[in-house]
PDB file of all heavy atoms in Angstrom:
ATOM      1  N   GLU A   1      97.735  58.884 120.276  1.00  0.00           N
ATOM      2  CA  GLU A   1      98.420  59.367 121.440  1.00  0.00           C
ATOM      3  C   GLU A   1      98.616  60.859 121.506  1.00  0.00           C
ATOM      4  O   GLU A   1      98.759  61.416 122.576  1.00  0.00           O
ATOM      5  CB  GLU A   1      99.765  58.617 121.587  1.00  0.00           C
ATOM      6  CG  GLU A   1     100.692  58.786 120.402  1.00  0.00           C
ATOM      7  CD  GLU A   1     101.930  57.933 120.483  1.00  0.00           C
ATOM      8  OE1 GLU A   1     101.870  56.890 121.199  1.00  0.00           O
ATOM      9  OE2 GLU A   1     102.913  58.190 119.821  1.00  0.00           O
ATOM     10  N   VAL A   2      98.608  61.564 120.389  1.00  0.00           N
ATOM     11  CA  VAL A   2      98.796  63.012 120.391  1.00  0.00           C
ATOM     12  C   VAL A   2      97.468  63.781 120.568  1.00  0.00           C
ATOM     13  O   VAL A   2      97.432  64.994 120.747  1.00  0.00           O
ATOM     14  CB  VAL A   2      99.526  63.545 119.134  1.00  0.00           C
ATOM     15  CG1 VAL A   2     100.915  62.975 119.037  1.00  0.00           C
ATOM     16  CG2 VAL A   2      98.734  63.236 117.869  1.00  0.00           C
ATOM     17  N   ASN A   3      96.357  63.035 120.578  1.00  0.00           N
ATOM     18  CA  ASN A   3      95.038  63.679 120.744  1.00  0.00           C
ATOM     19  C   ASN A   3      94.636  63.655 122.220  1.00  0.00           C
ATOM     20  O   ASN A   3      94.308  62.616 122.798  1.00  0.00           O
ATOM     21  CB  ASN A   3      94.014  62.911 119.916  1.00  0.00           C
ATOM     22  CG  ASN A   3      92.660  63.579 119.868  1.00  0.00           C
ATOM     23  OD1 ASN A   3      92.183  64.064 120.884  1.00  0.00           O
ATOM     24  ND2 ASN A   3      92.016  63.580 118.718  1.00  0.00           N
ATOM     25  N   ALA A   4      94.660  64.838 122.835  1.00  0.00           N
ATOM     26  CA  ALA A   4      94.414  64.924 124.293  1.00  0.00           C
ATOM     27  C   ALA A   4      92.971  64.531 124.640  1.00  0.00           C
ATOM     28  O   ALA A   4      92.760  63.952 125.674  1.00  0.00           O
ATOM     29  CB  ALA A   4      94.654  66.363 124.768  1.00  0.00           C
ATOM     30  N   VAL A   5      92.036  64.758 123.721  1.00  0.00           N
ATOM     31  CA  VAL A   5      90.647  64.379 124.040  1.00  0.00           C
ATOM     32  C   VAL A   5      90.501  62.862 124.093  1.00  0.00           C
ATOM     33  O   VAL A   5      89.840  62.323 124.986  1.00  0.00           O
ATOM     34  CB  VAL A   5      89.667  65.020 122.996  1.00  0.00           C
ATOM     35  CG1 VAL A   5      88.249  64.532 123.219  1.00  0.00           C
ATOM     36  CG2 VAL A   5      89.755  66.510 123.073  1.00  0.00           C
ATOM     37  N   VAL A   6      91.161  62.157 123.171  1.00  0.00           N
ATOM     38  CA  VAL A   6      91.099  60.673 123.176  1.00  0.00           C
ATOM     39  C   VAL A   6      91.755  60.208 124.466  1.00  0.00           C
ATOM     40  O   VAL A   6      91.217  59.263 125.098  1.00  0.00           O
ATOM     41  CB  VAL A   6      91.800  60.095 121.937  1.00  0.00           C
ATOM     42  CG1 VAL A   6      91.963  58.570 122.089  1.00  0.00           C
ATOM     43  CG2 VAL A   6      91.017  60.455 120.669  1.00  0.00           C
ATOM     44  N   GLN A   7      92.812  60.827 124.891  1.00  0.00           N
ATOM     45  CA  GLN A   7      93.519  60.379 126.102  1.00  0.00           C
ATOM     46  C   GLN A   7      92.640  60.636 127.322  1.00  0.00           C
ATOM     47  O   GLN A   7      92.518  59.815 128.237  1.00  0.00           O
ATOM     48  CB  GLN A   7      94.879  61.048 126.255  1.00  0.00           C
ATOM     49  CG  GLN A   7      95.785  60.825 125.058  1.00  0.00           C
ATOM     50  CD  GLN A   7      95.987  59.370 124.718  1.00  0.00           C
ATOM     51  OE1 GLN A   7      96.304  58.588 125.588  1.00  0.00           O
ATOM     52  NE2 GLN A   7      95.774  59.036 123.441  1.00  0.00           N
ATOM     53  N   GLU A   8      92.036  61.803 127.366  1.00  0.00           N
ATOM     54  CA  GLU A   8      91.117  62.171 128.470  1.00  0.00           C
ATOM     55  C   GLU A   8      89.975  61.172 128.609  1.00  0.00           C
ATOM     56  O   GLU A   8      89.724  60.634 129.670  1.00  0.00           O
ATOM     57  CB  GLU A   8      90.592  63.558 128.247  1.00  0.00           C
ATOM     58  CG  GLU A   8      89.483  63.956 129.234  1.00  0.00           C
ATOM     59  CD  GLU A   8      88.747  65.223 128.801  1.00  0.00           C
ATOM     60  OE1 GLU A   8      89.185  65.965 127.909  1.00  0.00           O
ATOM     61  OE2 GLU A   8      87.681  65.450 129.386  1.00  0.00           O
ATOM     62  N   TRP A   9      89.295  60.940 127.510  1.00  0.00           N
ATOM     63  CA  TRP A   9      88.103  60.043 127.525  1.00  0.00           C
ATOM     64  C   TRP A   9      88.566  58.612 127.725  1.00  0.00           C
ATOM     65  O   TRP A   9      87.829  57.814 128.392  1.00  0.00           O
ATOM     66  CB  TRP A   9      87.306  60.203 126.288  1.00  0.00           C
ATOM     67  CG  TRP A   9      86.510  61.517 126.327  1.00  0.00           C
ATOM     68  CD1 TRP A   9      86.973  62.748 125.919  1.00  0.00           C
ATOM     69  CD2 TRP A   9      85.213  61.686 126.774  1.00  0.00           C
ATOM     70  NE1 TRP A   9      85.966  63.670 126.170  1.00  0.00           N
ATOM     71  CE2 TRP A   9      84.869  63.026 126.656  1.00  0.00           C
ATOM     72  CE3 TRP A   9      84.246  60.816 127.300  1.00  0.00           C
ATOM     73  CZ2 TRP A   9      83.649  63.590 127.040  1.00  0.00           C
ATOM     74  CZ3 TRP A   9      82.992  61.348 127.652  1.00  0.00           C
ATOM     75  CH2 TRP A   9      82.731  62.689 127.515  1.00  0.00           C
ATOM     76  N   GLY A  10      89.671  58.206 127.149  1.00  0.00           N
ATOM     77  CA  GLY A  10      90.208  56.847 127.395  1.00  0.00           C
ATOM     78  C   GLY A  10      90.497  56.583 128.842  1.00  0.00           C
ATOM     79  O   GLY A  10      90.101  55.543 129.369  1.00  0.00           O
ATOM     80  N   CYS A  11      91.158  57.511 129.428  1.00  0.00           N
ATOM     81  CA  CYS A  11      91.490  57.356 130.890  1.00  0.00           C
ATOM     82  C   CYS A  11      90.184  57.352 131.693  1.00  0.00           C
ATOM     83  O   CYS A  11      90.069  56.590 132.669  1.00  0.00           O
ATOM     84  CB  CYS A  11      92.373  58.467 131.351  1.00  0.00           C
ATOM     85  SG  CYS A  11      94.134  58.291 130.859  1.00  0.00           S
ATOM     86  N   GLY A  12      89.250  58.196 131.332  1.00  0.00           N
ATOM     87  CA  GLY A  12      87.974  58.234 132.048  1.00  0.00           C
ATOM     88  C   GLY A  12      87.211  56.898 131.921  1.00  0.00           C
ATOM     89  O   GLY A  12      86.696  56.357 132.906  1.00  0.00           O
ATOM     90  N   ALA A  13      87.206  56.340 130.731  1.00  0.00           N
ATOM     91  CA  ALA A  13      86.551  55.025 130.529  1.00  0.00           C
ATOM     92  C   ALA A  13      87.248  53.940 131.308  1.00  0.00           C
ATOM     93  O   ALA A  13      86.628  53.095 131.964  1.00  0.00           O
ATOM     94  CB  ALA A  13      86.508  54.663 129.032  1.00  0.00           C
ATOM     95  N   LEU A  14      88.596  53.943 131.268  1.00  0.00           N
ATOM     96  CA  LEU A  14      89.371  52.953 132.014  1.00  0.00           C
ATOM     97  C   LEU A  14      89.124  53.095 133.526  1.00  0.00           C
ATOM     98  O   LEU A  14      89.066  52.135 134.278  1.00  0.00           O
ATOM     99  CB  LEU A  14      90.830  53.055 131.699  1.00  0.00           C
ATOM    100  CG  LEU A  14      91.236  52.639 130.315  1.00  0.00           C
ATOM    101  CD1 LEU A  14      92.736  52.988 130.046  1.00  0.00           C
ATOM    102  CD2 LEU A  14      91.024  51.130 130.094  1.00  0.00           C
ATOM    103  N   ALA A  15      88.977  54.343 133.988  1.00  0.00           N
ATOM    104  CA  ALA A  15      88.718  54.545 135.416  1.00  0.00           C
ATOM    105  C   ALA A  15      87.418  53.907 135.819  1.00  0.00           C
ATOM    106  O   ALA A  15      87.311  53.261 136.872  1.00  0.00           O
ATOM    107  CB  ALA A  15      88.669  56.064 135.720  1.00  0.00           C
ATOM    108  N   ASN A  16      86.407  54.038 134.974  1.00  0.00           N
ATOM    109  CA  ASN A  16      85.105  53.392 135.259  1.00  0.00           C
ATOM    110  C   ASN A  16      85.225  51.864 135.266  1.00  0.00           C
ATOM    111  O   ASN A  16      84.734  51.188 136.130  1.00  0.00           O
ATOM    112  CB  ASN A  16      84.038  53.823 134.266  1.00  0.00           C
ATOM    113  CG  ASN A  16      83.640  55.271 134.432  1.00  0.00           C
ATOM    114  OD1 ASN A  16      83.729  55.808 135.499  1.00  0.00           O
ATOM    115  ND2 ASN A  16      83.224  55.901 133.335  1.00  0.00           N
ATOM    116  N   LEU A  17      85.939  51.326 134.293  1.00  0.00           N
ATOM    117  CA  LEU A  17      86.120  49.885 134.147  1.00  0.00           C
ATOM    118  C   LEU A  17      86.975  49.339 135.316  1.00  0.00           C
ATOM    119  O   LEU A  17      86.758  48.205 135.761  1.00  0.00           O
ATOM    120  CB  LEU A  17      86.767  49.513 132.841  1.00  0.00           C
ATOM    121  CG  LEU A  17      85.866  49.740 131.619  1.00  0.00           C
ATOM    122  CD1 LEU A  17      86.671  49.564 130.337  1.00  0.00           C
ATOM    123  CD2 LEU A  17      84.676  48.782 131.625  1.00  0.00           C
ATOM    124  N   ALA A  18      87.858  50.155 135.810  1.00  0.00           N
ATOM    125  CA  ALA A  18      88.774  49.701 136.897  1.00  0.00           C
ATOM    126  C   ALA A  18      88.089  49.614 138.225  1.00  0.00           C
ATOM    127  O   ALA A  18      88.731  49.204 139.218  1.00  0.00           O
ATOM    128  CB  ALA A  18      90.010  50.614 136.934  1.00  0.00           C
ATOM    129  N   ALA A  19      86.813  49.895 138.302  1.00  0.00           N
ATOM    130  CA  ALA A  19      86.077  49.704 139.525  1.00  0.00           C
ATOM    131  C   ALA A  19      85.829  48.216 139.743  1.00  0.00           C
ATOM    132  O   ALA A  19      85.468  47.808 140.876  1.00  0.00           O
ATOM    133  CB  ALA A  19      84.785  50.505 139.506  1.00  0.00           C
ATOM    134  N   ASN A  20      86.035  47.392 138.729  1.00  0.00           N
ATOM    135  CA  ASN A  20      85.793  45.951 138.795  1.00  0.00           C
ATOM    136  C   ASN A  20      87.143  45.235 138.886  1.00  0.00           C
ATOM    137  O   ASN A  20      88.061  45.530 138.132  1.00  0.00           O
ATOM    138  CB  ASN A  20      85.055  45.566 137.527  1.00  0.00           C
ATOM    139  CG  ASN A  20      84.911  44.057 137.352  1.00  0.00           C
ATOM    140  OD1 ASN A  20      85.876  43.385 136.981  1.00  0.00           O
ATOM    141  ND2 ASN A  20      83.734  43.571 137.627  1.00  0.00           N
ATOM    142  N   ASP A  21      87.264  44.310 139.801  1.00  0.00           N
ATOM    143  CA  ASP A  21      88.569  43.606 140.048  1.00  0.00           C
ATOM    144  C   ASP A  21      89.081  42.859 138.800  1.00  0.00           C
ATOM    145  O   ASP A  21      90.267  42.888 138.516  1.00  0.00           O
ATOM    146  CB  ASP A  21      88.451  42.660 141.221  1.00  0.00           C
ATOM    147  CG  ASP A  21      88.410  43.367 142.564  1.00  0.00           C
ATOM    148  OD1 ASP A  21      88.845  44.520 142.592  1.00  0.00           O
ATOM    149  OD2 ASP A  21      87.908  42.813 143.519  1.00  0.00           O
ATOM    150  N   ASP A  22      88.171  42.205 138.048  1.00  0.00           N
ATOM    151  CA  ASP A  22      88.615  41.506 136.875  1.00  0.00           C
ATOM    152  C   ASP A  22      89.164  42.453 135.799  1.00  0.00           C
ATOM    153  O   ASP A  22      90.113  42.204 135.154  1.00  0.00           O
ATOM    154  CB  ASP A  22      87.438  40.673 136.261  1.00  0.00           C
ATOM    155  CG  ASP A  22      87.077  39.497 137.108  1.00  0.00           C
ATOM    156  OD1 ASP A  22      87.941  38.997 137.865  1.00  0.00           O
ATOM    157  OD2 ASP A  22      85.922  39.054 137.008  1.00  0.00           O
ATOM    158  N   ASN A  23      88.484  43.622 135.716  1.00  0.00           N
ATOM    159  CA  ASN A  23      88.964  44.650 134.733  1.00  0.00           C
ATOM    160  C   ASN A  23      90.315  45.202 135.167  1.00  0.00           C
ATOM    161  O   ASN A  23      91.146  45.528 134.285  1.00  0.00           O
ATOM    162  CB  ASN A  23      87.936  45.763 134.579  1.00  0.00           C
ATOM    163  CG  ASN A  23      86.696  45.324 133.865  1.00  0.00           C
ATOM    164  OD1 ASN A  23      86.710  44.334 133.131  1.00  0.00           O
ATOM    165  ND2 ASN A  23      85.609  46.048 134.087  1.00  0.00           N
ATOM    166  N   LYS A  24      90.554  45.348 136.441  1.00  0.00           N
ATOM    167  CA  LYS A  24      91.864  45.854 136.916  1.00  0.00           C
ATOM    168  C   LYS A  24      92.972  44.936 136.420  1.00  0.00           C
ATOM    169  O   LYS A  24      93.973  45.416 135.944  1.00  0.00           O
ATOM    170  CB  LYS A  24      91.877  45.882 138.455  1.00  0.00           C
ATOM    171  CG  LYS A  24      91.080  46.943 139.100  1.00  0.00           C
ATOM    172  CD  LYS A  24      91.173  46.829 140.636  1.00  0.00           C
ATOM    173  CE  LYS A  24      90.221  47.787 141.288  1.00  0.00           C
ATOM    174  NZ  LYS A  24      90.296  47.813 142.720  1.00  0.00           N
ATOM    175  N   LYS A  25      92.742  43.629 136.576  1.00  0.00           N
ATOM    176  CA  LYS A  25      93.742  42.683 136.123  1.00  0.00           C
ATOM    177  C   LYS A  25      93.976  42.765 134.603  1.00  0.00           C
ATOM    178  O   LYS A  25      95.073  42.745 134.121  1.00  0.00           O
ATOM    179  CB  LYS A  25      93.305  41.291 136.520  1.00  0.00           C
ATOM    180  CG  LYS A  25      93.340  41.066 138.029  1.00  0.00           C
ATOM    181  CD  LYS A  25      92.727  39.687 138.365  1.00  0.00           C
ATOM    182  CE  LYS A  25      92.512  39.593 139.864  1.00  0.00           C
ATOM    183  NZ  LYS A  25      91.752  38.391 140.202  1.00  0.00           N
ATOM    184  N   THR A  26      92.865  42.903 133.894  1.00  0.00           N
ATOM    185  CA  THR A  26      92.958  42.958 132.413  1.00  0.00           C
ATOM    186  C   THR A  26      93.710  44.234 132.002  1.00  0.00           C
ATOM    187  O   THR A  26      94.562  44.150 131.110  1.00  0.00           O
ATOM    188  CB  THR A  26      91.547  42.964 131.801  1.00  0.00           C
ATOM    189  OG1 THR A  26      90.891  41.773 132.179  1.00  0.00           O
ATOM    190  CG2 THR A  26      91.596  43.025 130.315  1.00  0.00           C
ATOM    191  N   ILE A  27      93.391  45.380 132.590  1.00  0.00           N
ATOM    192  CA  ILE A  27      94.086  46.619 132.215  1.00  0.00           C
ATOM    193  C   ILE A  27      95.553  46.476 132.487  1.00  0.00           C
ATOM    194  O   ILE A  27      96.415  46.839 131.655  1.00  0.00           O
ATOM    195  CB  ILE A  27      93.459  47.806 133.043  1.00  0.00           C
ATOM    196  CG1 ILE A  27      92.004  48.096 132.587  1.00  0.00           C
ATOM    197  CG2 ILE A  27      94.344  49.052 132.916  1.00  0.00           C
ATOM    198  CD1 ILE A  27      91.255  48.983 133.481  1.00  0.00           C
ATOM    199  N   ALA A  28      95.913  45.931 133.669  1.00  0.00           N
ATOM    200  CA  ALA A  28      97.352  45.759 133.963  1.00  0.00           C
ATOM    201  C   ALA A  28      98.030  44.773 133.033  1.00  0.00           C
ATOM    202  O   ALA A  28      99.129  45.072 132.519  1.00  0.00           O
ATOM    203  CB  ALA A  28      97.488  45.311 135.422  1.00  0.00           C
TER     204      ALA A  28
END
């Protein structure tokens, strides 16, 4: 959580996955 690069890339990956409705539900 203190590593900004991991947070940046993690959010980026989640953004890509969240384009899918099933993934949206899983993330939530």
